[in-house]
N, C-alpha and C. Protein backbone atom coordinates (compact mmCIF):
# COMPACT_ATOMS: atom_id res chain seq x y z
N MET A 1 47.83 36.78 -29.28
CA MET A 1 48.36 36.03 -28.19
C MET A 1 47.86 36.58 -26.85
N PHE A 2 47.42 35.67 -26.02
CA PHE A 2 46.99 36.11 -24.65
C PHE A 2 48.18 36.35 -23.81
N LEU A 3 48.22 37.48 -23.07
CA LEU A 3 49.35 37.82 -22.26
C LEU A 3 49.21 37.44 -20.81
N GLY A 4 48.01 37.10 -20.46
CA GLY A 4 47.71 36.77 -19.01
C GLY A 4 46.42 37.47 -18.58
N LEU A 5 45.91 37.03 -17.47
CA LEU A 5 44.70 37.61 -16.97
C LEU A 5 45.01 39.08 -16.49
N ARG A 6 44.09 39.96 -16.71
CA ARG A 6 44.28 41.37 -16.41
C ARG A 6 43.18 41.96 -15.49
N THR A 7 41.96 41.62 -15.79
CA THR A 7 40.78 42.34 -15.21
C THR A 7 39.66 41.40 -14.92
N ILE A 8 38.99 41.64 -13.82
CA ILE A 8 37.66 40.99 -13.54
C ILE A 8 36.68 42.14 -13.19
N VAL A 9 35.55 41.98 -13.79
CA VAL A 9 34.50 43.06 -13.54
C VAL A 9 33.26 42.30 -13.06
N TYR A 10 32.87 42.69 -11.79
CA TYR A 10 31.70 42.10 -11.14
C TYR A 10 30.45 42.95 -11.47
N PRO A 11 29.34 42.31 -11.67
CA PRO A 11 28.09 43.08 -11.74
C PRO A 11 27.82 43.67 -10.30
N ALA A 12 27.36 44.88 -10.23
CA ALA A 12 27.15 45.59 -8.97
C ALA A 12 25.82 46.37 -9.05
N PRO A 13 24.74 45.69 -9.01
CA PRO A 13 23.49 46.43 -9.14
C PRO A 13 23.30 47.44 -7.92
N ASP A 14 23.74 47.08 -6.77
CA ASP A 14 23.82 48.03 -5.63
C ASP A 14 25.24 48.51 -5.51
N LEU A 15 25.64 49.53 -6.34
CA LEU A 15 27.02 49.95 -6.45
C LEU A 15 27.57 50.40 -5.05
N ASP A 16 26.81 51.13 -4.30
CA ASP A 16 27.26 51.60 -2.99
C ASP A 16 27.61 50.46 -2.09
N ALA A 17 26.79 49.44 -2.03
CA ALA A 17 27.06 48.25 -1.12
C ALA A 17 28.28 47.54 -1.64
N SER A 18 28.41 47.38 -2.98
CA SER A 18 29.52 46.62 -3.52
C SER A 18 30.82 47.42 -3.26
N ARG A 19 30.80 48.73 -3.50
CA ARG A 19 32.02 49.52 -3.24
C ARG A 19 32.44 49.39 -1.76
N THR A 20 31.49 49.50 -0.83
CA THR A 20 31.81 49.41 0.56
C THR A 20 32.41 48.07 0.97
N TRP A 21 31.77 47.00 0.42
CA TRP A 21 32.23 45.64 0.76
C TRP A 21 33.63 45.42 0.18
N TRP A 22 33.85 45.80 -1.09
CA TRP A 22 35.20 45.50 -1.72
C TRP A 22 36.23 46.44 -1.03
N SER A 23 35.92 47.65 -0.65
CA SER A 23 36.88 48.50 -0.01
C SER A 23 37.28 47.90 1.33
N GLN A 24 36.33 47.30 2.08
CA GLN A 24 36.64 46.69 3.31
C GLN A 24 37.52 45.44 3.12
N VAL A 25 37.14 44.58 2.16
CA VAL A 25 37.87 43.34 1.96
C VAL A 25 39.30 43.61 1.39
N LEU A 26 39.42 44.53 0.49
CA LEU A 26 40.73 44.83 -0.10
C LEU A 26 41.58 45.67 0.79
N GLY A 27 40.90 46.45 1.68
CA GLY A 27 41.69 47.36 2.62
C GLY A 27 42.10 48.64 1.99
N VAL A 28 41.54 48.96 0.82
CA VAL A 28 41.87 50.19 0.11
C VAL A 28 40.62 50.80 -0.53
N PRO A 29 40.59 52.12 -0.74
CA PRO A 29 39.47 52.67 -1.45
C PRO A 29 39.67 52.46 -2.96
N PRO A 30 38.65 52.64 -3.75
CA PRO A 30 38.79 52.56 -5.22
C PRO A 30 39.70 53.71 -5.73
N TYR A 31 40.44 53.43 -6.78
CA TYR A 31 41.19 54.47 -7.45
C TYR A 31 40.35 55.26 -8.44
N PHE A 32 39.24 54.63 -8.87
CA PHE A 32 38.33 55.25 -9.83
C PHE A 32 36.97 55.01 -9.33
N ASP A 33 36.20 56.03 -9.18
CA ASP A 33 34.88 55.91 -8.53
C ASP A 33 33.90 56.89 -9.21
N GLU A 34 33.08 56.34 -10.10
CA GLU A 34 32.08 57.02 -10.85
C GLU A 34 30.82 56.26 -10.78
N PRO A 35 29.64 56.90 -11.06
CA PRO A 35 28.38 56.19 -11.02
C PRO A 35 28.27 55.00 -12.03
N PHE A 36 29.10 55.05 -13.11
CA PHE A 36 29.02 54.01 -14.14
C PHE A 36 30.06 52.94 -13.95
N TYR A 37 31.02 53.13 -13.04
CA TYR A 37 32.09 52.07 -12.89
C TYR A 37 32.91 52.47 -11.63
N VAL A 38 33.31 51.46 -10.88
CA VAL A 38 34.22 51.63 -9.75
C VAL A 38 35.39 50.67 -9.97
N GLY A 39 36.58 51.17 -9.86
CA GLY A 39 37.79 50.37 -10.16
C GLY A 39 38.75 50.37 -8.99
N PHE A 40 39.19 49.14 -8.60
CA PHE A 40 40.27 48.94 -7.65
C PHE A 40 41.45 48.44 -8.34
N ASN A 41 42.62 48.44 -7.63
CA ASN A 41 43.86 47.98 -8.25
C ASN A 41 44.63 47.08 -7.23
N PRO A 42 44.04 45.86 -6.95
CA PRO A 42 44.76 45.00 -6.03
C PRO A 42 45.91 44.33 -6.78
N GLY A 43 47.08 44.48 -6.29
CA GLY A 43 48.28 43.75 -6.86
C GLY A 43 48.59 44.16 -8.28
N GLY A 44 48.18 45.33 -8.74
CA GLY A 44 48.43 45.71 -10.11
C GLY A 44 47.43 45.27 -11.15
N TYR A 45 46.33 44.61 -10.72
CA TYR A 45 45.28 44.13 -11.63
C TYR A 45 44.03 44.90 -11.33
N GLU A 46 43.13 44.83 -12.30
CA GLU A 46 41.87 45.64 -12.23
C GLU A 46 40.76 44.76 -11.61
N LEU A 47 40.11 45.22 -10.57
CA LEU A 47 38.92 44.66 -10.07
C LEU A 47 37.85 45.77 -10.23
N GLY A 48 36.89 45.53 -11.12
CA GLY A 48 35.93 46.53 -11.42
C GLY A 48 34.53 46.16 -10.93
N LEU A 49 33.70 47.20 -10.73
CA LEU A 49 32.32 47.02 -10.31
C LEU A 49 31.48 47.79 -11.38
N ASP A 50 30.57 47.03 -11.98
CA ASP A 50 29.76 47.64 -13.09
C ASP A 50 28.31 47.58 -12.70
N PRO A 51 27.64 48.70 -12.40
CA PRO A 51 26.24 48.71 -12.04
C PRO A 51 25.30 48.31 -13.16
N ALA A 52 25.79 48.44 -14.44
CA ALA A 52 24.97 48.09 -15.61
C ALA A 52 25.09 46.65 -16.01
N ALA A 53 26.04 45.88 -15.47
CA ALA A 53 26.24 44.51 -15.85
C ALA A 53 25.12 43.63 -15.33
N ASP A 54 24.82 42.56 -16.06
CA ASP A 54 23.80 41.62 -15.72
C ASP A 54 24.31 40.55 -14.70
N PRO A 55 23.74 40.59 -13.50
CA PRO A 55 24.23 39.65 -12.46
C PRO A 55 23.97 38.21 -12.81
N THR A 56 23.02 37.91 -13.74
CA THR A 56 22.77 36.53 -14.11
C THR A 56 23.90 35.93 -14.96
N ILE A 57 24.67 36.88 -15.61
CA ILE A 57 25.81 36.41 -16.42
C ILE A 57 27.06 36.16 -15.52
N GLY A 58 27.09 36.95 -14.40
CA GLY A 58 28.24 36.77 -13.50
C GLY A 58 29.34 37.72 -13.87
N PRO A 59 30.52 37.53 -13.25
CA PRO A 59 31.66 38.38 -13.54
C PRO A 59 32.20 38.17 -14.93
N ARG A 60 32.82 39.23 -15.46
CA ARG A 60 33.48 39.04 -16.76
C ARG A 60 34.98 39.16 -16.51
N THR A 61 35.73 38.18 -17.02
CA THR A 61 37.20 38.12 -16.87
C THR A 61 37.82 38.53 -18.23
N TYR A 62 38.81 39.34 -18.18
CA TYR A 62 39.41 39.84 -19.44
C TYR A 62 40.85 39.37 -19.50
N TRP A 63 41.24 38.80 -20.65
CA TRP A 63 42.65 38.43 -20.94
C TRP A 63 43.31 39.61 -21.60
N GLY A 64 44.55 39.92 -21.19
CA GLY A 64 45.32 40.98 -21.80
C GLY A 64 45.82 40.52 -23.17
N VAL A 65 45.74 41.42 -24.12
CA VAL A 65 46.29 41.22 -25.51
C VAL A 65 46.93 42.50 -25.94
N ARG A 66 47.84 42.38 -26.93
CA ARG A 66 48.52 43.57 -27.51
C ARG A 66 47.63 44.24 -28.54
N ASP A 67 46.85 43.48 -29.33
CA ASP A 67 46.06 44.02 -30.38
C ASP A 67 44.67 43.35 -30.28
N VAL A 68 43.78 44.03 -29.64
CA VAL A 68 42.49 43.52 -29.38
C VAL A 68 41.62 43.22 -30.62
N GLU A 69 41.83 44.09 -31.68
CA GLU A 69 41.12 43.84 -32.93
C GLU A 69 41.54 42.55 -33.62
N ALA A 70 42.87 42.33 -33.59
CA ALA A 70 43.41 41.08 -34.26
C ALA A 70 42.96 39.88 -33.46
N GLU A 71 43.00 39.91 -32.15
CA GLU A 71 42.59 38.77 -31.32
C GLU A 71 41.13 38.55 -31.41
N ALA A 72 40.30 39.60 -31.48
CA ALA A 72 38.87 39.47 -31.67
C ALA A 72 38.58 38.74 -32.95
N ALA A 73 39.25 39.15 -34.06
CA ALA A 73 39.06 38.51 -35.38
C ALA A 73 39.50 37.00 -35.28
N ARG A 74 40.52 36.70 -34.57
CA ARG A 74 41.02 35.37 -34.43
C ARG A 74 39.99 34.46 -33.64
N LEU A 75 39.37 35.06 -32.61
CA LEU A 75 38.33 34.33 -31.86
C LEU A 75 37.09 34.05 -32.72
N VAL A 76 36.69 35.04 -33.48
CA VAL A 76 35.52 34.92 -34.33
C VAL A 76 35.88 33.88 -35.45
N ALA A 77 37.05 33.89 -35.99
CA ALA A 77 37.44 32.90 -37.06
C ALA A 77 37.46 31.48 -36.44
N ALA A 78 37.70 31.37 -35.16
CA ALA A 78 37.69 30.08 -34.52
C ALA A 78 36.34 29.68 -34.01
N GLY A 79 35.31 30.45 -34.39
CA GLY A 79 33.96 30.03 -34.06
C GLY A 79 33.23 30.76 -32.93
N SER A 80 33.94 31.73 -32.38
CA SER A 80 33.31 32.51 -31.28
C SER A 80 32.34 33.51 -31.85
N VAL A 81 31.40 33.95 -31.03
CA VAL A 81 30.44 35.08 -31.37
C VAL A 81 30.71 36.24 -30.52
N VAL A 82 30.48 37.39 -31.08
CA VAL A 82 30.63 38.63 -30.39
C VAL A 82 29.49 38.82 -29.39
N VAL A 83 29.75 39.01 -28.12
CA VAL A 83 28.76 39.36 -27.09
C VAL A 83 28.73 40.84 -26.87
N GLU A 84 29.91 41.45 -26.68
CA GLU A 84 30.08 42.90 -26.60
C GLU A 84 31.18 43.28 -27.54
N PRO A 85 30.98 44.04 -28.58
CA PRO A 85 31.98 44.37 -29.55
C PRO A 85 33.17 45.14 -28.92
N VAL A 86 34.25 45.10 -29.55
CA VAL A 86 35.46 45.86 -29.09
C VAL A 86 35.07 47.33 -28.99
N THR A 87 35.34 47.88 -27.85
CA THR A 87 35.01 49.32 -27.51
C THR A 87 36.21 49.97 -26.89
N ASP A 88 36.42 51.21 -27.28
CA ASP A 88 37.49 52.02 -26.57
C ASP A 88 36.76 52.72 -25.37
N VAL A 89 37.20 52.31 -24.16
CA VAL A 89 36.62 52.82 -22.98
C VAL A 89 37.34 53.96 -22.37
N GLY A 90 38.35 54.49 -23.07
CA GLY A 90 39.10 55.65 -22.66
C GLY A 90 40.50 55.33 -22.29
N GLU A 91 41.35 56.33 -22.38
CA GLU A 91 42.80 56.18 -22.10
C GLU A 91 43.50 55.10 -22.94
N GLY A 92 42.98 54.83 -24.13
CA GLY A 92 43.56 53.85 -24.99
C GLY A 92 43.19 52.39 -24.63
N ILE A 93 42.30 52.28 -23.61
CA ILE A 93 41.91 50.90 -23.18
C ILE A 93 40.75 50.44 -24.10
N LYS A 94 40.89 49.25 -24.64
CA LYS A 94 39.87 48.68 -25.50
C LYS A 94 39.54 47.30 -25.01
N LEU A 95 38.24 47.02 -25.03
CA LEU A 95 37.83 45.64 -24.55
C LEU A 95 36.67 45.11 -25.37
N GLY A 96 36.50 43.84 -25.32
CA GLY A 96 35.38 43.18 -26.06
C GLY A 96 35.15 41.83 -25.33
N THR A 97 33.92 41.29 -25.57
CA THR A 97 33.58 40.01 -24.93
C THR A 97 33.01 39.10 -26.00
N PHE A 98 33.35 37.83 -25.89
CA PHE A 98 33.00 36.83 -26.91
C PHE A 98 32.59 35.54 -26.19
N ARG A 99 31.76 34.76 -26.93
CA ARG A 99 31.34 33.45 -26.40
C ARG A 99 31.84 32.39 -27.43
N ASN A 100 32.63 31.44 -26.88
CA ASN A 100 33.20 30.40 -27.74
C ASN A 100 32.11 29.31 -27.97
N PRO A 101 32.44 28.39 -28.96
CA PRO A 101 31.40 27.36 -29.29
C PRO A 101 30.97 26.51 -28.12
N GLN A 102 31.74 26.43 -27.06
CA GLN A 102 31.46 25.65 -25.87
C GLN A 102 30.56 26.46 -24.89
N GLY A 103 30.36 27.74 -25.16
CA GLY A 103 29.53 28.61 -24.32
C GLY A 103 30.34 29.43 -23.31
N ASP A 104 31.66 29.30 -23.28
CA ASP A 104 32.42 30.06 -22.34
C ASP A 104 32.51 31.57 -22.75
N LEU A 105 32.40 32.45 -21.74
CA LEU A 105 32.49 33.85 -21.99
C LEU A 105 34.03 34.26 -21.91
N ILE A 106 34.52 34.93 -22.89
CA ILE A 106 35.95 35.27 -23.01
C ILE A 106 35.99 36.83 -23.16
N GLY A 107 36.68 37.50 -22.26
CA GLY A 107 36.89 38.92 -22.43
C GLY A 107 38.33 39.13 -22.87
N LEU A 108 38.51 40.16 -23.72
CA LEU A 108 39.84 40.59 -24.18
C LEU A 108 39.97 42.07 -23.77
N ILE A 109 41.14 42.50 -23.39
CA ILE A 109 41.44 43.83 -23.04
C ILE A 109 42.86 44.22 -23.57
N GLU A 110 42.90 45.29 -24.27
CA GLU A 110 44.14 45.95 -24.69
C GLU A 110 44.28 47.14 -23.84
N ASN A 111 45.30 47.11 -22.93
CA ASN A 111 45.45 48.19 -21.99
C ASN A 111 46.94 48.66 -21.99
N PRO A 112 47.18 49.79 -22.69
CA PRO A 112 48.57 50.25 -22.87
C PRO A 112 49.19 50.73 -21.52
N VAL A 113 48.42 50.92 -20.47
CA VAL A 113 48.96 51.46 -19.23
C VAL A 113 49.18 50.38 -18.24
N PHE A 114 48.81 49.11 -18.56
CA PHE A 114 48.91 47.98 -17.60
C PHE A 114 50.36 47.64 -17.42
N GLU A 115 50.77 47.45 -16.16
CA GLU A 115 52.07 46.98 -15.81
C GLU A 115 51.92 45.87 -14.73
N ALA A 116 52.36 44.69 -15.12
CA ALA A 116 52.24 43.55 -14.17
C ALA A 116 53.11 43.86 -12.95
N VAL A 117 52.59 43.56 -11.78
CA VAL A 117 53.27 43.74 -10.51
C VAL A 117 53.51 42.37 -9.91
N SER A 118 54.73 42.13 -9.43
CA SER A 118 55.10 40.86 -8.81
C SER A 118 54.34 40.78 -7.47
N PRO A 119 53.76 39.58 -7.18
CA PRO A 119 53.12 39.49 -5.87
C PRO A 119 54.12 39.58 -4.73
N PRO A 120 53.71 40.04 -3.59
CA PRO A 120 54.58 40.16 -2.43
C PRO A 120 54.96 38.75 -1.97
N VAL A 121 56.18 38.59 -1.52
CA VAL A 121 56.69 37.34 -0.99
C VAL A 121 56.25 37.24 0.44
N GLU A 122 55.62 36.08 0.83
CA GLU A 122 55.20 35.88 2.17
C GLU A 122 56.32 35.41 3.05
N ALA A 123 56.19 35.51 4.38
CA ALA A 123 57.18 35.06 5.26
C ALA A 123 57.53 33.59 4.98
N GLY A 124 58.82 33.26 5.02
CA GLY A 124 59.16 31.91 4.76
C GLY A 124 59.59 31.73 3.33
N GLY A 125 59.47 32.80 2.52
CA GLY A 125 59.99 32.76 1.13
C GLY A 125 59.03 32.28 0.13
N GLY A 126 57.87 31.79 0.48
CA GLY A 126 56.88 31.30 -0.42
C GLY A 126 56.13 32.41 -1.15
N THR A 127 55.43 32.05 -2.22
CA THR A 127 54.61 33.07 -2.91
C THR A 127 53.14 33.03 -2.52
N GLY A 128 52.79 31.98 -1.66
CA GLY A 128 51.40 31.89 -1.27
C GLY A 128 50.56 31.06 -2.24
N ARG A 129 51.22 30.41 -3.20
CA ARG A 129 50.42 29.57 -4.17
C ARG A 129 50.38 28.20 -3.78
C-alpha cells in the first residue's frame, strides 16, 4: 500500500550550484551534505540532490511504503520492470525504482525514520492549497 509521497531526488550534475540554489530557495542549509548526495528537509519531506543521476530522466519521486520488497514484487507482478533494484541506502532506508507498462517512473521508499509533518496554517486559516 502506498502511504503518500515522501521524497523527490533531482539530478544535480553541478552539485555545488544545485546546493547553493536550493539552499537559497528553501531558506535553509542541507541537513545532509556529502559529495554523493545532498539532502534537505522541507516540511518533513526529503528533497535530494544526486550528482550521479541522469538529468535526461529528470527527478525521481518516491512513494512511501511499509514493506518495499512486497510492494516491489506487487509492481513487477502488475507488469512493471525494475529500473533500480531495491537497495538499502543506510539507516534502514530502502528504495527502488520501477517503470510501469505505460512508461511512468515509480519510486518506492521504505523509511522507518520518516514522520509526516502537518503543513503550517497560513494567515486566514487556509492551508495554501
